[in-house]
C-alpha cells in the first residue's frame, strides 16, 4: 500500500494526511504494510514533502514579499536542492487580510536560490505557486545580481507596479554560479507572462488586484519584457510567451531567463521524491488533496500520481475533503474511486476543523472495500 497524497489546504499537511490514512487503514488491517510518500506539485508544501522523503531542511533569513525579514526553508540532499518560492514570497507571508498586488516582491525567492547555491547545490528544483507577487521575477533576479533602473539610474521600486518606470535592465552581474547549475522550473500552470491568459489577468485577482491593478500590471510586465529584450535579445520575448512564464506572478519568466527548464511540478517532484521505486512495491495507491475538482485534472498532484500509477498498472483511489468530479472524469484520470470527507460528515466546516479523525474513518472504509 502506498499513500501518496498532497495536503488538504487549511486542514492537514501532506504528512498529516499520510499519517491519518495509515492509521485508518490499520484499524481494519492491523499488520498492513503502508509506505507513505507525501507529495506536492511545486506550490506550498513542496519543501515539507522533500523533507519527509529524506531531504535535509535548511533555514535562512530572507526578505518576505513586503520586505520584512522572515525565516524561510529549502531542502537539500547531496547536491540537489528543492526551493519553494512560497516560503519567501507566498501569500502565507502576508499579514492576514493584507494584499499588495502592485508592490509585493520576489526578492526573498532569489535569496533562497542563492542560499541553495551557497549550500553547494548543482541541481535546483524551483517550485513556484501560492505567490503574493506579480513582479515577473524582477525581485528574484535583483537578489541574484541583476539591476533594474529608472531614467535617473536609480533602482525601480519593488513589485510589478514599479516596472512601469523601468528604463534599463542589466543582467551582467548575475551570480556566475547559475551558469553551472541545472535549474528546473516546477509548476502546475502553463500561462504566458502577459495577455488574456497571462499572470496579471488570471492570477492577479487572487492576490488582491483590482481590474485597474490588473491592467497596470499587465502593461508594466509587457514593458518589462521589452526592456529585457533590449538587454538580452530575442530570447526575452520568446520566454515571455513560453508556457510557465506566467507562473507565480511571472517568477516563471525570471527563472526561464536564468536558463531554467520548465516541467510540470508533480512530474518533477515524483522524480525527486523517489516515487517510481515506491510504486513498484505497492499493490494499491491512495492519493488525494483537499478538493478534487477540474483544477485537479490540469497538473495537480493527484492527477500526476494517478497517471504514473496507471502507466505502471497499479490501481488508484483518492481521498479528498470535497469531491466535484463525476465518476467518469475520475476514471479518465486513472482514479477508480474517490472518498470525500463529506461522505461521512456533510457539514463542510466540520470537515475542515476535524479533518484528521474523519479522514481516519474514511481510510478504514477504503480498507474494508479493497483489503478485506
Protein backbone atom coordinates (compact mmCIF):
# COMPACT_ATOMS: atom_id res chain seq x y z
CA UNK A 1 0.00 0.00 0.00
CA UNK A 2 1.36 3.41 -0.98
CA UNK A 3 -0.10 6.67 0.34
CA UNK A 4 0.98 9.49 -1.98
CA UNK A 5 -1.33 12.41 -1.28
CA UNK A 6 -0.96 16.19 -1.23
CA UNK A 7 -2.06 18.43 1.62
CA UNK A 8 -5.67 19.27 2.49
CA UNK A 9 -5.06 23.01 2.37
CA UNK A 10 -6.13 24.74 5.57
CA UNK A 11 -6.67 21.45 7.40
CA UNK A 12 -3.86 18.88 7.08
CA UNK A 13 -0.33 18.85 5.72
CA UNK A 14 0.58 16.11 3.26
CA UNK A 15 2.49 14.37 6.07
CA UNK A 16 -0.58 14.50 8.34
CA UNK A 17 -2.78 13.16 5.54
CA UNK A 18 -0.45 10.17 5.18
CA UNK A 19 -0.42 9.59 8.95
CA UNK A 20 -4.21 9.70 9.25
CA UNK A 21 -4.78 7.44 6.23
CA UNK A 22 -2.26 4.94 7.58
CA UNK A 23 -3.94 4.91 10.99
CA UNK A 24 -7.36 4.37 9.43
CA UNK A 25 -6.19 1.52 7.22
CA UNK A 26 -4.62 -0.23 10.19
CA UNK A 27 -7.84 -0.04 12.17
CA UNK A 28 -9.11 -2.69 9.76
CA UNK A 29 -5.85 -4.48 8.84
CA UNK A 30 -3.53 -4.01 11.85
CA UNK A 31 -0.42 -5.53 10.28
CA UNK A 32 -0.80 -3.79 6.90
CA UNK A 33 2.46 -2.62 5.33
CA UNK A 34 1.96 1.02 4.36
CA UNK A 35 4.55 3.21 2.69
CA UNK A 36 3.94 6.96 2.98
CA UNK A 37 5.26 9.35 0.36
CA UNK A 38 3.73 12.81 0.87
CA UNK A 39 3.71 14.68 -2.44
CA UNK A 40 3.44 18.24 -3.72
CA UNK A 41 3.19 19.87 -7.13
CA UNK A 42 5.67 22.72 -6.64
CA UNK A 43 3.43 25.01 -4.62
CA UNK A 44 3.33 25.48 -0.86
CA UNK A 45 4.22 22.26 0.93
CA UNK A 46 6.90 21.27 -1.58
CA UNK A 47 9.81 21.64 0.85
CA UNK A 48 7.89 19.72 3.53
CA UNK A 49 7.30 16.86 1.08
CA UNK A 50 11.01 16.76 0.21
CA UNK A 51 11.98 16.72 3.89
CA UNK A 52 9.53 13.87 4.54
CA UNK A 53 11.29 11.97 1.72
CA UNK A 54 14.68 12.32 3.40
CA UNK A 55 15.98 15.72 2.36
CA UNK A 56 17.60 17.95 4.99
CA UNK A 57 15.71 21.10 5.94
CA UNK A 58 17.85 24.26 5.74
CA UNK A 59 16.63 27.59 7.09
CA UNK A 60 17.87 31.08 6.23
CA UNK A 61 16.68 34.63 6.80
CA UNK A 62 15.31 36.30 3.66
CA UNK A 63 13.05 39.17 2.64
CA UNK A 64 9.33 38.49 2.69
CA UNK A 65 7.04 39.85 -0.05
CA UNK A 66 6.78 43.25 1.66
CA UNK A 67 10.49 43.43 2.51
CA UNK A 68 10.14 42.24 6.11
CA UNK A 69 12.69 39.64 7.21
CA UNK A 70 11.35 36.09 7.52
CA UNK A 71 12.81 32.65 8.18
CA UNK A 72 12.38 30.50 5.08
CA UNK A 73 13.44 26.94 4.33
CA UNK A 74 14.72 24.94 1.41
CA UNK A 75 15.51 21.23 1.23
CA UNK A 76 18.86 19.66 0.37
CA UNK A 77 20.01 16.12 -0.35
CA UNK A 78 23.51 15.70 -1.78
CA UNK A 79 23.86 18.35 -4.45
CA UNK A 80 20.12 18.59 -5.18
CA UNK A 81 18.06 21.37 -3.60
CA UNK A 82 14.31 21.90 -3.56
CA UNK A 83 13.40 25.57 -3.29
CA UNK A 84 9.79 26.64 -2.75
CA UNK A 85 9.19 30.28 -3.66
CA UNK A 86 6.11 30.46 -1.43
CA UNK A 87 8.43 30.01 1.57
CA UNK A 88 9.75 33.52 0.91
CA UNK A 89 7.24 35.22 -1.36
CA UNK A 90 3.95 33.42 -0.76
CA UNK A 91 0.56 34.73 0.26
CA UNK A 92 1.19 32.94 3.56
CA UNK A 93 3.86 35.57 4.27
CA UNK A 94 1.41 38.47 4.15
CA UNK A 95 -0.42 39.66 7.28
CA UNK A 96 -3.98 38.33 7.49
CA UNK A 97 -6.27 40.24 5.16
CA UNK A 98 -3.45 42.23 3.58
CA UNK A 99 -2.69 42.12 -0.14
CA UNK A 100 -0.06 44.04 -2.06
CA UNK A 101 -0.54 43.21 -5.75
CA UNK A 102 1.48 46.17 -7.02
CA UNK A 103 4.35 46.17 -4.53
CA UNK A 104 4.94 42.57 -3.36
CA UNK A 105 8.40 41.38 -4.41
CA UNK A 106 10.11 38.05 -5.13
CA UNK A 107 13.44 39.31 -3.78
CA UNK A 108 13.38 36.72 -0.98
CA UNK A 109 12.91 33.91 -3.50
CA UNK A 110 16.16 35.00 -5.12
CA UNK A 111 17.81 34.92 -1.71
CA UNK A 112 16.54 31.35 -1.25
CA UNK A 113 18.06 30.35 -4.59
CA UNK A 114 21.32 31.99 -3.52
CA UNK A 115 21.17 30.05 -0.27
CA UNK A 116 20.86 26.81 -2.22
CA UNK A 117 23.89 27.80 -4.31
CA UNK A 118 25.82 28.60 -1.11
CA UNK A 119 24.94 25.10 0.17
CA UNK A 120 26.58 23.54 -2.88
CA UNK A 121 23.52 22.68 -4.94
CA UNK A 122 24.21 21.70 -8.55
CA UNK A 123 20.59 20.88 -9.36
CA UNK A 124 17.85 23.17 -8.06
CA UNK A 125 14.17 22.28 -8.33
CA UNK A 126 12.39 25.63 -8.09
CA UNK A 127 8.79 25.03 -7.09
CA UNK A 128 6.56 28.01 -7.78
CA UNK A 129 2.98 28.62 -6.71
CA UNK A 130 0.99 30.30 -3.97
CA UNK A 131 2.78 33.59 -4.57
CA UNK A 132 1.78 37.00 -3.26
CA UNK A 133 3.65 38.63 -6.14
CA UNK A 134 3.23 39.77 -9.74
CA UNK A 135 6.67 41.20 -10.44
CA UNK A 136 7.79 38.98 -13.32
CA UNK A 137 10.62 37.64 -11.17
CA UNK A 138 12.34 41.05 -11.13
CA UNK A 139 12.85 40.92 -7.38
CA UNK A 140 14.30 37.40 -7.59
CA UNK A 141 16.68 38.45 -10.37
CA UNK A 142 17.74 41.51 -8.34
CA UNK A 143 18.68 39.30 -5.39
CA UNK A 144 20.84 37.28 -7.76
CA UNK A 145 22.71 40.31 -9.09
CA UNK A 146 20.55 41.88 -11.82
CA UNK A 147 19.83 45.62 -11.84
CA UNK A 148 16.59 47.28 -12.91
CA UNK A 149 16.95 51.04 -13.23
CA UNK A 150 14.73 54.04 -13.98
CA UNK A 151 15.55 57.06 -16.18
CA UNK A 152 17.67 58.54 -13.38
CA UNK A 153 19.69 55.37 -13.00
CA UNK A 154 18.03 54.53 -9.67
CA UNK A 155 16.57 51.09 -8.86
CA UNK A 156 12.85 50.90 -9.66
CA UNK A 157 10.54 50.33 -6.67
CA UNK A 158 9.82 46.73 -5.69
CA UNK A 159 6.85 44.90 -7.13
CA UNK A 160 5.22 44.69 -10.52
CA UNK A 161 3.79 48.18 -10.35
CA UNK A 162 7.27 49.73 -10.27
CA UNK A 163 8.26 48.06 -13.53
CA UNK A 164 6.24 50.63 -15.47
CA UNK A 165 9.07 53.07 -14.81
CA UNK A 166 11.83 50.69 -15.91
CA UNK A 167 14.32 52.26 -18.35
CA UNK A 168 17.23 49.84 -18.35
CA UNK A 169 17.93 46.25 -17.28
CA UNK A 170 21.42 44.97 -16.58
CA UNK A 171 21.84 41.22 -16.11
CA UNK A 172 25.62 41.22 -16.38
CA UNK A 173 26.01 40.96 -12.61
CA UNK A 174 24.02 37.74 -12.20
CA UNK A 175 25.64 35.19 -9.89
CA UNK A 176 28.09 33.29 -12.14
CA UNK A 177 27.31 30.02 -10.33
CA UNK A 178 23.96 29.99 -12.12
CA UNK A 179 25.77 29.10 -15.35
CA UNK A 180 26.81 25.71 -13.99
CA UNK A 181 23.60 24.74 -12.21
CA UNK A 182 20.66 22.80 -13.60
CA UNK A 183 17.60 24.87 -12.70
CA UNK A 184 14.21 23.18 -13.08
CA UNK A 185 11.08 25.33 -13.01
CA UNK A 186 8.42 23.14 -11.38
CA UNK A 187 4.90 24.47 -11.82
CA UNK A 188 1.38 23.23 -12.42
CA UNK A 189 0.44 26.19 -14.67
CA UNK A 190 1.49 26.90 -18.24
CA UNK A 191 0.35 30.51 -18.67
CA UNK A 192 2.42 33.05 -20.60
CA UNK A 193 3.64 36.22 -18.88
CA UNK A 194 1.03 38.69 -20.16
CA UNK A 195 -2.19 38.96 -22.13
CA UNK A 196 -5.65 37.47 -21.51
CA UNK A 197 -4.14 34.25 -20.13
CA UNK A 198 -1.16 35.94 -18.51
CA UNK A 199 -0.16 36.23 -14.87
CA UNK A 200 -1.94 39.53 -14.04
CA UNK A 201 -5.23 38.67 -15.76
CA UNK A 202 -5.58 35.10 -14.49
CA UNK A 203 -3.95 35.21 -11.06
CA UNK A 204 -3.83 38.91 -10.13
CA UNK A 205 -7.34 38.97 -8.63
CA UNK A 206 -6.41 36.12 -6.26
CA UNK A 207 -3.69 38.40 -4.91
CA UNK A 208 -5.98 41.37 -4.34
CA UNK A 209 -5.57 43.08 -7.71
CA UNK A 210 -8.49 45.24 -8.83
CA UNK A 211 -9.37 45.47 -12.55
CA UNK A 212 -7.30 48.68 -12.73
CA UNK A 213 -4.41 46.93 -10.97
CA UNK A 214 -4.59 44.03 -13.43
CA UNK A 215 -4.42 46.47 -16.35
CA UNK A 216 -1.49 48.34 -14.81
CA UNK A 217 0.41 45.12 -14.02
CA UNK A 218 -0.13 43.71 -17.50
CA UNK A 219 1.18 46.92 -19.05
CA UNK A 220 4.14 47.02 -16.64
CA UNK A 221 5.14 43.39 -17.34
CA UNK A 222 4.78 43.93 -21.10
CA UNK A 223 7.11 46.92 -20.80
CA UNK A 224 9.49 44.92 -18.58
CA UNK A 225 9.78 42.19 -21.21
CA UNK A 226 10.53 44.78 -23.91
CA UNK A 227 13.27 46.38 -21.82
CA UNK A 228 14.75 42.94 -21.18
CA UNK A 229 14.64 42.23 -24.90
CA UNK A 230 16.81 45.30 -25.44
CA UNK A 231 19.20 43.99 -22.77
CA UNK A 232 19.50 40.29 -23.63
CA UNK A 233 17.99 39.87 -27.09
CA UNK A 234 15.12 37.99 -28.65
CA UNK A 235 15.10 35.22 -26.04
CA UNK A 236 13.45 37.65 -23.60
CA UNK A 237 10.40 37.92 -25.87
CA UNK A 238 10.40 34.17 -26.55
CA UNK A 239 10.46 33.38 -22.84
CA UNK A 240 7.60 35.83 -22.16
CA UNK A 241 5.35 33.82 -24.48
CA UNK A 242 6.57 30.42 -23.28
CA UNK A 243 4.49 28.02 -21.15
CA UNK A 244 5.20 28.61 -17.46
CA UNK A 245 6.36 32.22 -17.86
CA UNK A 246 3.25 33.43 -16.04
CA UNK A 247 3.63 31.01 -13.14
CA UNK A 248 3.54 32.61 -9.68
CA UNK A 249 3.08 36.15 -10.91
CA UNK A 250 5.71 35.81 -13.60
CA UNK A 251 8.51 34.43 -11.46
CA UNK A 252 8.49 31.65 -14.05
CA UNK A 253 9.62 34.23 -16.59
CA UNK A 254 12.53 35.23 -14.40
CA UNK A 255 13.50 31.57 -14.00
CA UNK A 256 13.37 30.99 -17.76
CA UNK A 257 15.69 33.98 -18.23
CA UNK A 258 18.12 32.18 -15.91
CA UNK A 259 18.04 29.17 -18.22
CA UNK A 260 15.53 27.08 -16.27
CA UNK A 261 13.84 24.10 -17.88
CA UNK A 262 10.07 24.09 -17.37
CA UNK A 263 8.46 20.82 -16.24
CA UNK A 264 5.07 20.06 -14.67
CA UNK A 265 5.59 20.35 -10.93
CA UNK A 266 4.16 16.99 -9.96
CA UNK A 267 6.32 15.16 -12.53
CA UNK A 268 9.46 16.79 -11.17
CA UNK A 269 8.54 16.12 -7.56
CA UNK A 270 7.68 12.46 -8.18
CA UNK A 271 11.15 12.04 -9.68
CA UNK A 272 12.85 13.87 -6.83
CA UNK A 273 10.88 12.05 -4.11
CA UNK A 274 11.59 8.56 -5.46
CA UNK A 275 8.02 7.73 -6.45
CA UNK A 276 8.84 5.11 -9.11
CA UNK A 277 10.53 2.58 -6.78
CA UNK A 278 7.84 3.11 -4.14
CA UNK A 279 5.20 2.48 -6.78
CA UNK A 280 6.84 -0.82 -7.76
CA UNK A 281 6.42 -2.05 -4.18
CA UNK A 282 2.72 -1.10 -3.97
CA UNK A 283 -0.43 -3.04 -4.80
CA UNK A 284 -2.82 -0.13 -4.25
CA UNK A 285 -2.12 3.62 -4.32
CA UNK A 286 -4.05 6.19 -2.30
CA UNK A 287 -3.67 9.78 -3.47
CA UNK A 288 -5.68 12.94 -2.84
CA UNK A 289 -5.90 16.61 -1.93
CA UNK A 290 -8.33 18.97 -0.26
CA UNK A 291 -10.58 19.46 -3.27
CA UNK A 292 -10.84 17.09 -6.22
CA UNK A 293 -12.19 19.32 -8.99
CA UNK A 294 -11.50 20.46 -12.55
CA UNK A 295 -8.20 22.04 -11.47
CA UNK A 296 -7.03 18.66 -10.22
CA UNK A 297 -7.09 17.33 -13.78
CA UNK A 298 -4.70 20.05 -15.00
CA UNK A 299 -1.40 19.08 -13.46
CA UNK A 300 -2.27 18.84 -9.77
CA UNK A 301 -0.63 16.20 -7.60
CA UNK A 302 -3.42 13.54 -7.57
CA UNK A 303 -3.65 13.57 -11.38
CA UNK A 304 0.11 13.14 -11.68
CA UNK A 305 0.18 10.31 -9.16
CA UNK A 306 -2.76 8.58 -10.85
CA UNK A 307 -1.22 8.90 -14.33
CA UNK A 308 2.07 7.38 -13.18
CA UNK A 309 0.30 4.60 -11.28
CA UNK A 310 -1.96 3.77 -14.22
CA UNK A 311 1.07 3.56 -16.52
CA UNK A 312 2.52 1.01 -14.09
CA UNK A 313 -0.72 -0.98 -13.97
CA UNK A 314 -1.50 -0.07 -10.35
CA UNK A 315 -4.97 0.69 -9.01
CA UNK A 316 -5.59 4.13 -7.51
CA UNK A 317 -8.20 5.53 -5.14
CA UNK A 318 -8.33 9.08 -3.82
CA UNK A 319 -9.26 10.83 -0.61
CA UNK A 320 -10.36 14.45 -0.51
CA UNK A 321 -12.24 16.98 1.53
CA UNK A 322 -14.62 17.86 -1.28
CA UNK A 323 -15.42 15.98 -4.47
CA UNK A 324 -16.53 17.97 -7.52
CA UNK A 325 -15.72 15.48 -10.28
CA UNK A 326 -18.11 12.88 -11.72
CA UNK A 327 -17.07 9.20 -11.76
CA UNK A 328 -16.32 9.28 -15.50
CA UNK A 329 -13.84 12.17 -15.07
CA UNK A 330 -12.15 10.31 -12.23
CA UNK A 331 -11.94 7.22 -14.39
CA UNK A 332 -10.31 9.12 -17.25
CA UNK A 333 -7.74 10.42 -14.77
CA UNK A 334 -6.94 6.88 -13.63
CA UNK A 335 -8.74 7.09 -10.27
CA UNK A 336 -11.07 4.15 -9.64
CA UNK A 337 -12.98 5.81 -6.82
CA UNK A 338 -12.80 8.93 -4.66
CA UNK A 339 -13.67 9.13 -0.97
CA UNK A 340 -14.59 12.65 0.19
CA UNK A 341 -14.80 13.62 3.85
CA UNK A 342 -18.33 14.82 3.09
CA UNK A 343 -19.31 11.18 2.56
CA UNK A 344 -19.02 10.81 6.34
CA UNK A 345 -19.64 14.38 7.52
CA UNK A 346 -21.82 16.58 5.26
CA UNK A 347 -21.01 19.80 7.16
CA UNK A 348 -18.08 21.49 5.39
CA UNK A 349 -16.99 23.48 8.44
CA UNK A 350 -16.74 20.29 10.49
CA UNK A 351 -14.81 18.59 7.70
CA UNK A 352 -12.26 21.41 7.83
CA UNK A 353 -11.97 21.59 11.62
CA UNK A 354 -11.99 17.82 12.24
CA UNK A 355 -10.38 16.62 9.02
CA UNK A 356 -7.96 14.24 10.74
CA UNK A 357 -10.41 12.00 12.61
CA UNK A 358 -12.85 11.97 9.69
CA UNK A 359 -10.06 11.00 7.30
CA UNK A 360 -9.14 8.07 9.55
CA UNK A 361 -12.71 6.81 9.36
CA UNK A 362 -12.66 7.24 5.59
CA UNK A 363 -9.40 5.26 5.30
CA UNK A 364 -10.95 2.47 7.34
CA UNK A 365 -13.76 2.40 4.78
CA UNK A 366 -11.17 2.06 1.97
CA UNK A 367 -9.54 -0.84 3.81
CA UNK A 368 -12.91 -2.56 4.14
CA UNK A 369 -13.71 -2.01 0.45
CA UNK A 370 -10.34 -3.03 -1.01
CA UNK A 371 -8.42 -5.11 1.53
CA UNK A 372 -10.92 -7.41 3.21
